[in-house]
Protein backbone atom coordinates (compact mmCIF):
# COMPACT_ATOMS: atom_id res chain seq x y z
CA MET A 1 9.29 27.97 -57.01
CA VAL A 2 12.26 25.93 -56.05
CA PHE A 3 10.31 23.30 -54.11
CA MET A 4 8.14 22.37 -57.17
CA ASP A 5 10.89 20.52 -58.99
CA ASN A 6 11.63 18.55 -55.87
CA PHE A 7 7.96 17.72 -55.42
CA LEU A 8 7.37 16.67 -58.89
CA GLY A 9 10.31 14.31 -58.56
CA ARG A 10 8.42 12.52 -55.69
CA GLN A 11 6.86 9.92 -57.79
CA ASP A 12 6.57 7.62 -54.75
CA LEU A 13 4.03 10.15 -53.29
CA ILE A 14 2.37 11.32 -56.51
CA THR A 15 1.73 7.95 -57.91
CA LYS A 16 0.35 6.36 -54.81
CA TYR A 17 -1.31 9.27 -53.11
CA LYS A 18 -2.39 11.52 -56.09
CA ASP A 19 -4.36 14.55 -54.63
CA ASN A 20 -2.92 13.91 -51.20
CA ALA A 21 0.66 13.77 -52.39
CA LEU A 22 1.39 17.58 -51.71
CA LEU A 23 -0.19 17.31 -48.30
CA LEU A 24 2.06 14.49 -47.36
CA TYR A 25 4.98 16.27 -48.87
CA SER A 26 4.34 19.42 -46.81
CA LEU A 27 4.21 17.22 -43.56
CA GLU A 28 7.44 15.60 -44.40
CA LEU A 29 9.11 18.86 -45.09
CA ARG A 30 7.93 20.63 -42.01
CA LEU A 31 8.59 17.81 -39.49
CA GLN A 32 11.52 16.21 -41.27
CA LEU A 33 9.90 12.75 -41.25
CA GLU A 34 12.06 9.81 -42.25
CA ASP A 35 9.34 7.66 -43.64
CA ILE A 36 6.16 9.58 -44.72
CA GLN A 37 4.46 6.52 -46.07
CA SER A 38 4.20 4.86 -42.73
CA VAL A 39 2.86 8.14 -41.36
CA ALA A 40 0.33 8.33 -44.16
CA SER A 41 -1.13 5.03 -43.27
CA ASP A 42 -2.41 6.34 -39.94
CA ALA A 43 -2.72 9.98 -40.70
CA LEU A 44 -4.72 10.17 -43.86
CA THR A 45 -8.54 10.36 -43.42
CA ASP A 46 -9.39 11.39 -47.02
CA GLY A 47 -12.23 9.33 -48.39
CA ASN A 48 -15.75 9.61 -49.88
CA ASP A 49 -17.18 10.80 -46.55
CA ASP A 50 -14.14 12.48 -44.98
CA LYS A 51 -16.14 15.48 -43.45
CA LYS A 52 -13.73 17.87 -45.10
CA CYS A 53 -10.72 16.50 -43.25
CA ASP A 54 -7.96 14.95 -45.28
CA LEU A 55 -5.37 14.40 -42.55
CA VAL A 56 -5.08 14.18 -38.75
CA TYR A 57 -1.50 13.73 -37.63
CA ILE A 58 -0.92 13.13 -33.85
CA ASP A 59 2.36 12.92 -32.06
CA GLU A 60 1.67 12.52 -28.36
CA GLU A 61 5.33 12.52 -27.39
CA GLU A 62 5.81 15.81 -29.03
CA GLY A 63 2.41 17.15 -27.83
CA LEU A 64 1.56 17.97 -31.47
CA ALA A 65 -1.49 17.54 -33.60
CA ILE A 66 -2.07 18.76 -37.20
CA ILE A 67 -5.52 18.80 -38.90
CA ALA A 68 -5.21 19.42 -42.57
CA GLN A 69 -7.22 19.87 -45.80
CA GLY A 70 -5.39 19.65 -49.13
CA TYR A 71 -6.24 21.13 -52.54
CA HIS A 72 -4.26 20.57 -55.77
CA SER A 73 -5.14 22.88 -58.77
CA GLN A 74 -4.49 21.72 -62.26
CA LYS A 75 -4.50 25.42 -63.44
CA ASP A 76 -2.39 28.35 -62.45
CA ARG A 77 -4.76 30.67 -60.48
CA HIS A 78 -4.08 33.78 -58.49
CA SER A 79 -5.14 32.21 -55.15
CA ALA A 80 -6.71 29.07 -53.70
CA PRO A 81 -10.39 28.85 -53.16
CA ALA A 82 -11.19 30.32 -49.77
CA ASN A 83 -14.24 28.04 -49.29
CA LYS A 84 -11.89 25.08 -49.16
CA ALA A 85 -10.29 26.79 -46.15
CA SER A 86 -13.67 27.36 -44.52
CA ASP A 87 -14.32 23.58 -45.07
CA LEU A 88 -11.99 23.11 -42.12
CA ASN A 89 -14.80 24.26 -39.89
CA THR A 90 -16.75 21.21 -40.86
CA ALA A 91 -13.63 19.07 -40.05
CA VAL A 92 -13.33 20.68 -36.56
CA THR A 93 -16.99 20.12 -35.86
CA TRP A 94 -16.90 16.48 -36.79
CA LEU A 95 -13.62 15.79 -35.01
CA PHE A 96 -14.53 17.54 -31.79
CA ASN A 97 -18.28 17.85 -31.42
CA GLU A 98 -20.05 14.94 -33.21
CA ASP A 99 -21.05 11.72 -31.36
CA ILE A 100 -18.26 9.17 -32.04
CA LYS A 101 -20.88 6.60 -33.25
CA ASN A 102 -21.94 8.94 -36.08
CA LEU A 103 -18.41 9.44 -37.35
CA PRO A 104 -17.35 7.71 -40.60
CA LEU A 105 -14.76 4.93 -39.96
CA ASP A 106 -11.94 6.74 -41.64
CA ILE A 107 -11.98 9.64 -39.20
CA ARG A 108 -13.33 7.90 -36.19
CA ALA A 109 -10.13 6.50 -35.01
CA ALA A 110 -8.49 9.92 -35.46
CA SER A 111 -11.12 11.72 -33.48
CA ILE A 112 -11.04 9.15 -30.65
CA GLN A 113 -7.24 9.53 -30.38
CA LEU A 114 -7.33 13.26 -30.61
CA ARG A 115 -10.07 13.74 -27.96
CA GLU A 116 -8.39 11.29 -25.55
CA ALA A 117 -4.97 12.90 -26.03
CA ILE A 118 -6.32 16.34 -25.31
CA ASN A 119 -8.37 15.01 -22.23
CA GLU A 120 -5.17 13.54 -20.88
CA GLY A 121 -3.14 16.76 -21.40
CA LYS A 122 -0.82 15.22 -23.96
CA ILE A 123 -1.39 17.74 -26.70
CA HIS A 124 -0.15 21.29 -26.26
CA THR A 125 -0.07 22.56 -29.91
CA ILE A 126 -2.81 22.01 -32.57
CA GLN A 127 -2.08 23.29 -36.00
CA ILE A 128 -4.72 23.63 -38.77
CA TRP A 129 -3.29 23.61 -42.36
CA TYR A 130 -4.81 24.33 -45.76
CA VAL A 131 -2.17 23.01 -48.13
CA HIS A 132 -2.31 23.94 -51.86
CA ASN A 133 -0.06 24.61 -54.88
CA LEU A 134 -1.20 28.30 -55.46
CA PRO A 135 -0.16 31.71 -54.21
CA GLU A 136 -1.22 32.59 -50.71
CA SER A 137 -3.85 35.20 -50.21
CA LYS A 138 -5.51 37.52 -47.56
CA ASN A 139 -8.99 35.85 -48.22
CA VAL A 140 -7.74 32.44 -47.32
CA SER A 141 -5.76 33.83 -44.33
CA ASP A 142 -8.89 35.40 -43.00
CA GLU A 143 -10.82 32.06 -43.31
CA MET A 144 -7.96 30.27 -41.57
CA ASN A 145 -8.23 32.65 -38.65
CA ALA A 146 -11.97 31.92 -38.47
CA VAL A 147 -11.30 28.17 -38.36
CA LYS A 148 -8.77 28.91 -35.51
CA LEU A 149 -11.40 30.54 -33.49
CA SER A 150 -13.87 27.68 -34.11
CA LEU A 151 -11.32 25.16 -32.93
CA MET A 152 -10.55 27.23 -29.81
CA SER A 153 -14.24 27.19 -29.04
CA ALA A 154 -14.59 23.41 -29.57
CA LEU A 155 -11.68 22.84 -27.14
CA LYS A 156 -13.68 24.11 -24.33
CA SER A 157 -15.40 20.81 -24.17
CA TYR A 158 -12.12 19.01 -23.56
CA THR A 159 -10.05 21.18 -21.20
CA GLU A 160 -10.78 23.50 -18.35
CA ASN A 161 -8.53 26.18 -19.87
CA PRO A 162 -8.53 26.11 -23.71
CA LYS A 163 -5.61 28.59 -23.58
CA ASP A 164 -3.50 25.63 -22.26
CA ILE A 165 -3.39 24.49 -25.92
CA ASN A 166 -1.56 26.55 -28.52
CA VAL A 167 -3.70 26.79 -31.63
CA ILE A 168 -2.08 27.80 -34.91
CA SER A 169 -3.73 28.17 -38.34
CA LEU A 170 -1.43 28.06 -41.53
CA GLU A 171 -2.08 28.61 -45.19
CA VAL A 172 0.53 26.31 -46.62
CA GLY A 173 0.79 27.59 -50.20
CA ARG A 174 3.64 28.19 -52.70
CA GLU A 175 5.45 30.64 -50.53
CA THR A 176 5.41 28.59 -47.41
CA LEU A 177 6.39 25.32 -49.10
CA ASP A 178 9.23 27.16 -50.84
CA ARG A 179 10.53 28.41 -47.49
CA TRP A 180 10.18 25.06 -45.84
CA TYR A 181 12.02 23.42 -48.69
CA LYS A 182 14.88 25.96 -48.79
CA SER A 183 15.18 25.71 -45.03
CA SER A 184 15.47 21.92 -45.28
CA SER A 185 18.41 22.14 -47.73
CA VAL A 186 20.02 25.52 -47.04
CA PRO A 187 21.40 26.21 -43.55
CA ILE A 188 21.04 30.01 -43.76
CA LEU A 189 17.84 31.30 -45.40
CA VAL A 190 17.96 34.93 -44.23
CA ASN A 191 20.92 36.51 -46.18
CA ASP A 192 20.57 40.18 -45.23
CA PRO A 193 23.38 42.12 -43.56
CA PHE A 194 22.96 43.09 -39.84
CA GLU A 195 24.60 45.68 -37.55
CA ILE A 196 24.30 44.34 -34.02
CA SER A 197 25.12 46.07 -30.88
CA THR A 198 27.48 44.27 -28.41
CA PRO A 199 27.47 46.65 -25.36
CA ASN A 200 30.03 44.66 -23.42
CA GLY A 201 32.12 43.52 -26.33
CA GLY A 202 33.24 39.93 -26.93
CA TYR A 203 35.91 37.64 -28.07
CA LYS A 204 36.84 35.77 -31.22
CA ILE A 205 37.90 32.11 -31.42
CA VAL A 206 39.31 30.69 -34.70
CA GLY A 207 39.27 26.93 -35.47
CA ASP A 208 39.70 24.73 -38.45
CA ASN A 209 37.44 26.12 -41.15
CA TRP A 210 35.27 27.92 -38.56
CA THR A 211 35.30 31.21 -36.62
CA SER A 212 33.21 31.95 -33.56
CA TYR A 213 32.47 35.16 -31.73
CA MET A 214 31.13 35.04 -28.23
CA THR A 215 29.22 38.07 -26.91
CA ALA A 216 25.88 39.42 -25.52
CA ILE A 217 23.27 41.26 -27.61
CA PRO A 218 20.12 43.17 -26.72
CA LEU A 219 16.74 41.43 -26.59
CA THR A 220 15.42 44.18 -28.77
CA PHE A 221 17.44 42.89 -31.74
CA LEU A 222 15.74 39.42 -31.50
CA PHE A 223 12.36 41.09 -30.84
CA ASP A 224 12.58 43.29 -33.99
CA ASN A 225 13.97 40.64 -36.26
CA TYR A 226 11.53 37.97 -35.23
CA LYS A 227 8.68 40.26 -36.10
CA LYS A 228 10.25 40.71 -39.57
CA TYR A 229 11.56 37.21 -40.47
CA LYS A 230 9.51 34.86 -38.29
CA ASP A 231 10.42 31.19 -38.76
CA ASP A 232 12.92 32.05 -41.61
CA LEU A 233 15.30 32.87 -38.79
CA PHE A 234 15.30 29.17 -37.84
CA SER A 235 16.17 27.61 -41.12
CA SER A 236 18.88 25.34 -39.54
CA ASN A 237 16.59 24.53 -36.54
CA ILE A 238 14.51 21.37 -37.04
CA ARG A 239 11.69 22.89 -34.95
CA GLY A 240 10.49 26.44 -35.29
CA TYR A 241 8.90 28.32 -32.39
CA LEU A 242 6.32 26.10 -30.76
CA GLY A 243 4.45 28.76 -28.88
CA SER A 244 3.83 29.38 -25.16
CA LEU A 245 1.08 28.02 -22.94
CA ASN A 246 -0.43 29.81 -19.89
CA LYS A 247 1.14 27.20 -17.54
CA LYS A 248 3.64 27.68 -14.74
CA ASN A 249 5.94 24.94 -16.13
CA ASN A 250 5.80 25.79 -19.72
CA ILE A 251 9.29 26.87 -20.69
CA ASN A 252 8.35 29.35 -23.41
CA ASN A 253 5.86 31.06 -21.18
CA GLY A 254 8.60 31.26 -18.50
CA ILE A 255 10.87 32.89 -20.94
CA LYS A 256 8.29 35.52 -21.65
CA ARG A 257 7.60 36.16 -18.07
CA SER A 258 11.39 36.60 -17.50
CA VAL A 259 11.61 39.13 -20.42
CA GLU A 260 8.74 41.07 -18.90
CA SER A 261 9.30 40.93 -15.25
CA THR A 262 13.18 40.45 -14.74
CA PRO A 263 14.86 41.65 -17.95
CA SER A 264 18.09 42.76 -16.29
CA ASN A 265 18.66 39.17 -15.20
CA PHE A 266 17.62 37.54 -18.39
CA MET A 267 21.16 36.73 -19.56
CA VAL A 268 21.96 34.77 -16.43
CA TYR A 269 18.53 32.89 -16.57
CA ASN A 270 18.89 31.78 -20.17
CA ASN A 271 21.26 29.42 -21.80
CA GLY A 272 21.74 31.71 -24.79
CA LEU A 273 21.74 31.26 -28.53
CA THR A 274 23.90 29.78 -31.32
CA ILE A 275 23.63 31.76 -34.55
CA LEU A 276 25.10 30.67 -37.90
CA VAL A 277 26.22 33.48 -40.16
CA ASP A 278 27.47 33.62 -43.78
CA LYS A 279 30.21 36.33 -43.12
CA PHE A 280 31.77 38.39 -40.40
CA GLU A 281 32.17 41.90 -41.81
CA ASP A 282 33.56 43.87 -38.94
CA PHE A 283 34.32 43.61 -35.19
CA SER A 284 34.51 46.57 -32.80
CA THR A 285 34.31 47.07 -29.11
CA ASN A 286 30.66 47.63 -29.12
CA ASN A 287 29.42 46.41 -32.45
CA ILE A 288 29.50 43.42 -34.85
CA SER A 289 28.51 43.32 -38.55
CA VAL A 290 27.49 39.97 -40.13
CA THR A 291 25.74 38.81 -43.31
CA GLY A 292 23.17 36.08 -43.07
CA MET A 293 21.74 34.72 -39.92
CA SER A 294 20.16 31.43 -38.85
CA ILE A 295 19.44 30.61 -35.21
CA VAL A 296 20.57 26.96 -34.89
CA ASN A 297 19.82 26.85 -31.18
CA GLY A 298 17.52 29.20 -29.45
CA ALA A 299 14.26 29.10 -31.58
CA GLN A 300 12.13 28.99 -28.45
CA THR A 301 14.07 31.82 -26.68
CA THR A 302 13.76 34.01 -29.85
CA GLY A 303 10.11 33.20 -30.48
CA ALA A 304 9.22 33.88 -26.88
CA ILE A 305 11.08 37.22 -26.86
CA GLY A 306 9.40 38.26 -30.14
CA SER A 307 6.05 37.30 -28.81
CA VAL A 308 5.92 39.49 -25.72
CA LEU A 309 3.42 42.40 -25.88
CA ASN A 310 5.88 45.27 -25.29
CA ARG A 311 9.34 45.66 -26.88
CA PRO A 312 11.98 44.69 -24.16
CA ARG A 313 14.19 47.09 -22.41
CA GLU A 314 17.31 48.26 -24.13
CA ASP A 315 19.58 47.02 -21.36
CA ALA A 316 18.14 43.44 -21.44
CA LEU A 317 20.83 41.10 -22.90
CA VAL A 318 21.14 37.53 -23.97
CA SER A 319 24.39 35.58 -24.61
CA VAL A 320 25.07 34.57 -28.15
CA ARG A 321 27.69 32.52 -29.93
CA PHE A 322 28.03 33.62 -33.64
CA ILE A 323 29.59 30.93 -35.87
CA LYS A 324 30.89 31.17 -39.52
CA CYS A 325 31.84 27.80 -40.97
CA ASP A 326 33.06 26.84 -44.49
CA ASP A 327 33.24 23.08 -44.00
CA PRO A 328 29.90 21.27 -44.93
CA LYS A 329 30.63 18.30 -42.62
CA ILE A 330 31.53 20.48 -39.68
CA LEU A 331 28.49 22.70 -40.49
CA ARG A 332 26.21 19.54 -40.53
CA ASP A 333 27.61 18.50 -37.16
CA ILE A 334 27.08 22.01 -35.67
CA ILE A 335 23.46 21.84 -36.73
CA GLU A 336 22.97 18.29 -35.38
CA PHE A 337 24.71 18.75 -32.00
CA ASN A 338 23.01 22.14 -31.40
CA ASN A 339 19.60 20.64 -32.13
CA LYS A 340 20.17 17.73 -29.64
CA GLN A 341 16.90 18.47 -27.86
CA ASN A 342 14.89 17.49 -30.86
CA VAL A 343 13.14 14.20 -31.46
CA VAL A 344 15.75 12.79 -33.68
CA ALA A 345 18.59 13.29 -31.27
CA SER A 346 18.01 10.22 -29.26
CA SER A 347 18.64 7.96 -32.22
CA ASP A 348 21.40 10.27 -33.29
CA PHE A 349 23.32 9.43 -30.16
CA ARG A 350 22.68 5.62 -30.52
CA SER A 351 23.83 5.78 -34.26
CA THR A 352 27.41 5.42 -33.18
CA ASP A 353 27.13 2.51 -30.79
CA GLU A 354 28.60 -0.83 -31.70
CA ILE A 355 25.08 -2.46 -32.11
CA GLN A 356 23.93 -0.04 -34.76
CA ASP A 357 27.29 -0.11 -36.43
CA GLY A 358 27.21 -3.88 -36.66
CA LEU A 359 23.68 -3.79 -38.03
CA ARG A 360 24.60 -1.37 -40.70
CA ARG A 361 27.41 -3.77 -41.84
CA GLN A 362 24.93 -6.67 -41.88
CA PHE A 363 22.46 -4.68 -43.99
CA ASN A 364 25.17 -4.01 -46.51
CA GLU A 365 24.98 -7.76 -47.45
CA ILE A 366 21.16 -7.74 -47.86
CA ARG A 367 19.85 -6.85 -51.32
CA SER A 368 17.36 -4.15 -52.04
CA VAL A 369 17.20 -2.48 -48.55
CA VAL A 370 18.98 0.48 -46.79
CA TYR A 371 19.29 0.90 -43.04
CA LEU A 372 20.98 3.97 -41.61
CA GLY A 373 20.82 3.06 -37.93
CA GLY A 374 19.89 6.38 -36.56
CA ARG A 375 22.11 8.36 -38.85
CA ARG A 376 20.43 11.13 -41.03
CA GLY A 377 20.95 10.60 -44.73
CA GLY A 378 23.08 13.14 -46.66
CA SER A 379 24.99 16.22 -45.49
CA GLU A 380 24.14 18.48 -48.47
CA ASP A 381 20.50 17.53 -48.89
CA LYS A 382 18.59 16.81 -45.75
CA ILE A 383 15.48 15.66 -47.60
CA LYS A 384 17.19 12.96 -49.59
CA ARG A 385 14.88 9.84 -49.60
CA TYR A 386 15.72 6.25 -50.21
CA SER A 387 12.98 4.24 -51.91
CA ASN A 388 14.21 1.05 -50.15
CA LEU A 389 14.85 2.56 -46.71
CA ILE A 390 14.07 0.65 -43.43
CA PRO A 391 13.45 3.59 -41.13
CA HIS A 392 15.16 3.22 -37.80
CA ASP A 393 12.30 4.67 -35.77
CA LEU A 394 9.68 2.48 -37.48
CA VAL A 395 11.66 -0.69 -37.33
CA ALA A 396 12.31 -0.04 -33.63
CA GLN A 397 8.51 0.11 -33.13
CA CYS A 398 8.13 -3.10 -35.12
CA LEU A 399 10.71 -4.91 -33.02
CA SER A 400 9.15 -3.63 -29.76
CA ALA A 401 5.63 -4.87 -30.83
CA PHE A 402 6.88 -8.21 -32.18
CA HIS A 403 8.79 -8.82 -28.96
CA GLN A 404 5.56 -8.45 -26.99
CA ASP A 405 5.55 -4.80 -26.15
CA PRO A 406 3.06 -3.01 -28.35
CA ASN A 407 2.37 -0.42 -25.65
CA THR A 408 5.97 0.93 -26.07
CA ALA A 409 5.75 0.69 -29.85
CA TYR A 410 2.63 2.85 -29.89
CA ASN A 411 3.01 5.25 -26.99
CA ARG A 412 6.83 5.46 -26.38
CA LYS A 413 8.55 5.60 -29.73
CA LYS A 414 10.98 8.24 -28.67
CA GLU A 415 11.82 6.52 -25.41
CA ILE A 416 12.95 3.40 -27.26
CA TRP A 417 16.14 5.30 -28.10
CA GLU A 418 16.43 7.26 -24.88
CA ASN A 419 15.70 4.51 -22.24
CA ASN A 420 18.66 2.04 -21.90
CA THR A 421 16.36 -0.80 -20.76
CA LEU A 422 13.92 -0.35 -23.74
CA TYR A 423 16.70 0.04 -26.30
CA SER A 424 18.66 -2.96 -25.08
CA SER A 425 15.57 -5.11 -25.01
CA ILE A 426 15.36 -4.88 -28.84
CA PHE A 427 18.88 -3.90 -29.98
CA SER A 428 21.43 -6.36 -28.56
CA GLU A 429 23.89 -8.95 -29.80
CA LYS A 430 20.91 -11.11 -30.54
CA THR A 431 19.40 -8.57 -33.00
CA THR A 432 20.31 -9.27 -36.69
CA ALA A 433 19.56 -7.45 -39.90
CA ARG A 434 17.83 -10.46 -41.27
CA HIS A 435 15.68 -10.72 -38.16
CA MET A 436 14.77 -6.90 -38.64
CA VAL A 437 13.84 -7.76 -42.21
CA PHE A 438 11.64 -10.57 -41.10
CA VAL A 439 9.70 -8.33 -38.58
CA TYR A 440 9.60 -5.21 -40.85
CA SER A 441 8.23 -7.24 -43.79
CA LEU A 442 5.40 -8.43 -41.64
CA TYR A 443 4.48 -4.88 -40.71
CA GLN A 444 4.56 -3.96 -44.44
CA ALA A 445 2.42 -6.90 -45.34
CA ILE A 446 -0.19 -5.74 -42.73
CA GLU A 447 -0.09 -2.29 -44.17
CA LYS A 448 -0.47 -3.59 -47.71
CA LYS A 449 -3.57 -5.59 -46.60
CA LYS A 450 -4.99 -2.53 -44.94
CA GLU A 451 -4.51 -0.57 -48.17
CA VAL A 452 -6.25 -3.23 -50.32
CA LEU A 453 -9.25 -3.27 -47.89
CA LYS A 454 -9.57 0.50 -47.92
CA LEU A 455 -9.50 0.57 -51.78
CA ASN A 456 -12.34 -1.95 -51.86
CA LYS A 457 -14.21 -0.95 -48.66
CA SER A 458 -17.56 -0.60 -50.46
CA ASN A 459 -17.44 -4.23 -51.65
CA LEU A 460 -16.08 -6.03 -48.52
CA SER A 461 -17.57 -9.16 -47.00
CA THR A 462 -18.68 -9.12 -43.31
CA THR A 463 -15.42 -10.70 -42.25
CA GLU A 464 -13.32 -8.30 -44.43
CA GLN A 465 -15.27 -5.29 -42.99
CA ASP A 466 -14.51 -6.50 -39.39
CA ILE A 467 -10.74 -6.84 -40.34
CA TYR A 468 -10.81 -3.34 -41.84
CA GLU A 469 -12.55 -1.77 -38.96
CA TYR A 470 -9.94 -3.35 -36.63
CA LEU A 471 -6.98 -2.18 -38.74
CA SER A 472 -8.44 1.37 -38.92
CA VAL A 473 -8.03 1.72 -35.19
CA ARG A 474 -4.83 3.62 -34.38
CA GLY A 475 -2.36 1.29 -32.69
CA SER A 476 -3.94 -1.84 -33.99
CA THR A 477 -1.01 -2.90 -36.24
CA TRP A 478 1.34 -3.03 -33.17
CA VAL A 479 -1.01 -5.30 -31.22
CA LEU A 480 -1.50 -7.51 -34.26
CA LEU A 481 2.35 -7.74 -34.63
CA ALA A 482 2.54 -8.93 -31.07
CA ALA A 483 -0.31 -11.36 -31.59
CA ILE A 484 1.24 -13.01 -34.71
CA ALA A 485 4.63 -13.13 -33.07
CA SER A 486 2.99 -15.03 -30.14
CA SER A 487 1.62 -17.55 -32.55
CA MET A 488 4.79 -18.10 -34.56
CA ASP A 489 5.24 -21.56 -33.08
CA ASN A 490 1.80 -22.68 -34.39
CA ILE A 491 2.39 -20.93 -37.80
CA LEU A 492 5.61 -22.79 -38.31
CA ASN A 493 4.34 -26.02 -36.46
CA LYS A 494 7.55 -26.23 -34.46
CA PRO A 495 8.70 -25.00 -31.00
CA LEU A 496 10.79 -21.85 -30.90
CA ARG A 497 13.71 -21.09 -28.49
CA ASP A 498 13.85 -17.38 -29.12
CA LEU A 499 11.75 -15.02 -31.30
CA PHE A 500 15.06 -13.14 -32.19
CA ASP A 501 16.12 -16.43 -34.01
CA LEU A 502 13.43 -15.89 -36.66
CA LYS A 503 14.62 -14.78 -40.11
CA PHE A 504 14.06 -15.58 -43.78
CA LYS A 505 16.57 -17.44 -45.83
CA GLN A 506 19.24 -15.25 -47.38
CA THR A 507 18.08 -15.81 -50.91
CA ILE A 508 14.80 -13.91 -50.14
CA THR A 509 14.50 -10.25 -51.28
CA PHE A 510 12.56 -7.77 -49.19
CA GLU A 511 9.70 -7.65 -51.67
CA GLU A 512 9.48 -11.39 -51.70
CA ALA A 513 9.42 -11.43 -47.87
CA VAL A 514 6.38 -9.13 -47.81
CA THR A 515 4.55 -11.42 -50.23
CA ILE A 516 5.53 -14.57 -48.23
CA TRP A 517 3.59 -13.18 -45.27
CA GLU A 518 0.32 -12.97 -47.17
CA HIS A 519 -0.88 -16.52 -46.52
CA PRO A 520 -0.20 -16.58 -42.76
CA LEU A 521 -1.94 -13.16 -42.59
CA GLU A 522 -5.06 -14.43 -44.36
CA THR A 523 -5.36 -17.16 -41.92
CA ALA A 524 -4.85 -15.08 -38.80
CA LEU A 525 -6.81 -11.80 -39.71
CA PRO A 526 -10.31 -13.27 -39.29
CA PHE A 527 -9.59 -13.57 -35.59
CA VAL A 528 -8.55 -9.93 -34.94
CA SER A 529 -11.81 -9.38 -33.02
CA SER A 530 -9.97 -11.07 -30.08
CA LEU A 531 -7.66 -8.17 -30.11
CA LEU A 532 -10.26 -5.28 -29.90
CA PRO A 533 -10.19 -5.06 -26.06
CA ALA A 534 -6.49 -4.13 -26.37
CA VAL A 535 -7.14 -1.20 -28.79
CA LYS A 536 -10.48 0.19 -28.13
CA ASN A 537 -9.34 2.56 -25.41
CA GLY A 538 -5.85 3.07 -26.73
CA VAL A 539 -2.86 0.54 -26.47
CA LYS A 540 -2.37 1.12 -22.83
CA THR A 541 -3.05 -1.55 -20.32
CA LYS A 542 -0.51 -4.32 -20.24
CA GLU A 543 -2.83 -6.98 -18.73
CA VAL A 544 -5.57 -6.21 -21.34
CA ILE A 545 -3.00 -6.46 -24.17
CA ASN A 546 -1.62 -9.72 -22.90
CA ASN A 547 -5.07 -11.30 -22.40
CA SER A 548 -6.17 -10.20 -25.85
CA VAL A 549 -2.93 -11.70 -27.39
CA LYS A 550 -3.52 -14.83 -25.47
CA ASP A 551 -7.04 -15.14 -26.74
CA PHE A 552 -5.93 -14.55 -30.22
CA LYS A 553 -3.31 -17.22 -30.01
CA GLU A 554 -5.80 -19.81 -28.61
CA LYS A 555 -8.26 -19.19 -31.32
CA THR A 556 -5.78 -19.29 -34.19
CA ALA A 557 -4.12 -22.39 -32.75
CA SER A 558 -7.18 -24.57 -33.63
CA ILE A 559 -7.38 -23.56 -37.20
CA LEU A 560 -3.59 -23.74 -37.62
CA LYS A 561 -3.51 -27.24 -36.18
CA LEU A 562 -6.30 -28.21 -38.61
CA LEU A 563 -4.53 -26.77 -41.57
CA TRP A 564 -1.17 -28.37 -40.76
CA GLY A 565 -3.02 -31.73 -40.31
CA THR A 566 -4.78 -31.54 -43.75
CA PRO A 567 -2.54 -32.67 -46.52
CA GLY A 568 -4.35 -30.47 -49.18
CA LEU A 569 -4.29 -27.34 -47.07
CA LYS A 570 -0.86 -27.30 -45.44
CA ILE A 571 1.17 -26.65 -48.67
CA ASN A 572 1.25 -22.88 -48.13
CA PHE A 573 2.44 -23.12 -44.56
CA GLU A 574 5.01 -25.69 -45.52
CA ASN A 575 6.36 -23.15 -48.00
CA PHE A 576 6.44 -20.45 -45.38
CA SER A 577 8.15 -22.70 -42.98
CA SER A 578 10.77 -23.92 -45.45
CA LEU A 579 11.71 -20.28 -46.20
CA THR A 580 12.03 -19.31 -42.48
CA GLU A 581 15.04 -20.14 -40.31
CA THR A 582 14.76 -20.48 -36.58
CA ASN A 583 18.35 -20.58 -35.42
């Protein structure tokens, strides 16, 4: 299997996450996540009492939740144990049916967020994964279908119409992982020849290193080939078919209704498709022959057409632009620009502005870190990873939280790049690469502390247990970032003109910056109980967040004043202050 060599090279995952490494690798592959380790901090629920649930990934902006169980066999077997798939029934029961008070801490936060997001109509797709490194089998597939039915039943308690949520069960074994890997690095995964009817003809346009053919093709062609190839047709499309919901305003459901009720008008109702091909074989008045096919734009249209109950009428057409391109750079741009509706697009369009360009130049002067500023890394290998990458999405969240807007950091990550006001509030002439390192290193120090507490959770003191319980609540890190930022004048024992002025001295490496934060964190963390009102029902209400941050600052101010006034105790804070620049 091609993916296996790539996975075995991911020592960043294997060393740190061990049995969960393949599970995180699969999530990274499927969703094209830039920084899987930051996702792992929230999403992993694996522990001694995980209730058969290893991961709960929730993206409210995309309306997606993934519940997963992983299994990594040390021996080569003919299939994965089906009982591990059926264990996901236990996960569903605990996540959706059990009293929150009875849930183990590691999955309590995930269950609360998942239940609330469903109640508020923020989730439209739930996927259940069984991830393993063995061949896929019918026995496991049957068990996964049973888990799907259990989940659909459990959803009745959270929505008046469970059919409003698209439930998908997936066995993610060798075959699926191999397809996902190939589709992440090979633009065209389906290499077969195709004879395609073009009843009304078309026209060819030739450019530099590319050829395009504009025409209209029967919906039956898409219907038949979606049945045959499924998501392999979308190898150059970041998102596969997301399913349809029985809602009036659901786009994919609307496409299906149009196919079924007004097929003769489908072509004028739909924007059409863009399809990459390896080769044009022949053009004629009513036919085109191509080799290879990947639908770079039109996955939802194709999936909806392929999901209708009855094969469409022969005269129902959809407009298509076929493209053959031999230039890797142009091919990359075709894929990016035709996928502009996806989550990465908002940062793609900001990547060329003068602020991001300036920040990238500044980061070139900083040792041990890489910042791409919204650009995707690598044109030949989409899943290239930098061990020292500062992810643009994550650092944008950190900046939003540090500059007193944890609500946006937690709930509106995508909007930071789309909304001019939100974007300019954290990315402006005042924003420097060194300030970003200052803020991002604080985030990493908090995550490091959380990891240490988790590893030693059976031997924590009462205070440490309270800190761990707070940090286990999803969204808590963003509120803590805001709280510490509000207290920076007391931590440094000097007035501050502007939080954007804060940065470490140029001689500090990123690894040293993370370590420097340890002492201020140790002093501040015992007061996190002040922040509980801001996170217990989600990071939502600005007034509650502000009051909690204010309470935190008032409580830490007294201890910080005492520490700065005691000669034998202030040495660590003097060291931190001496390494921090404020203008």
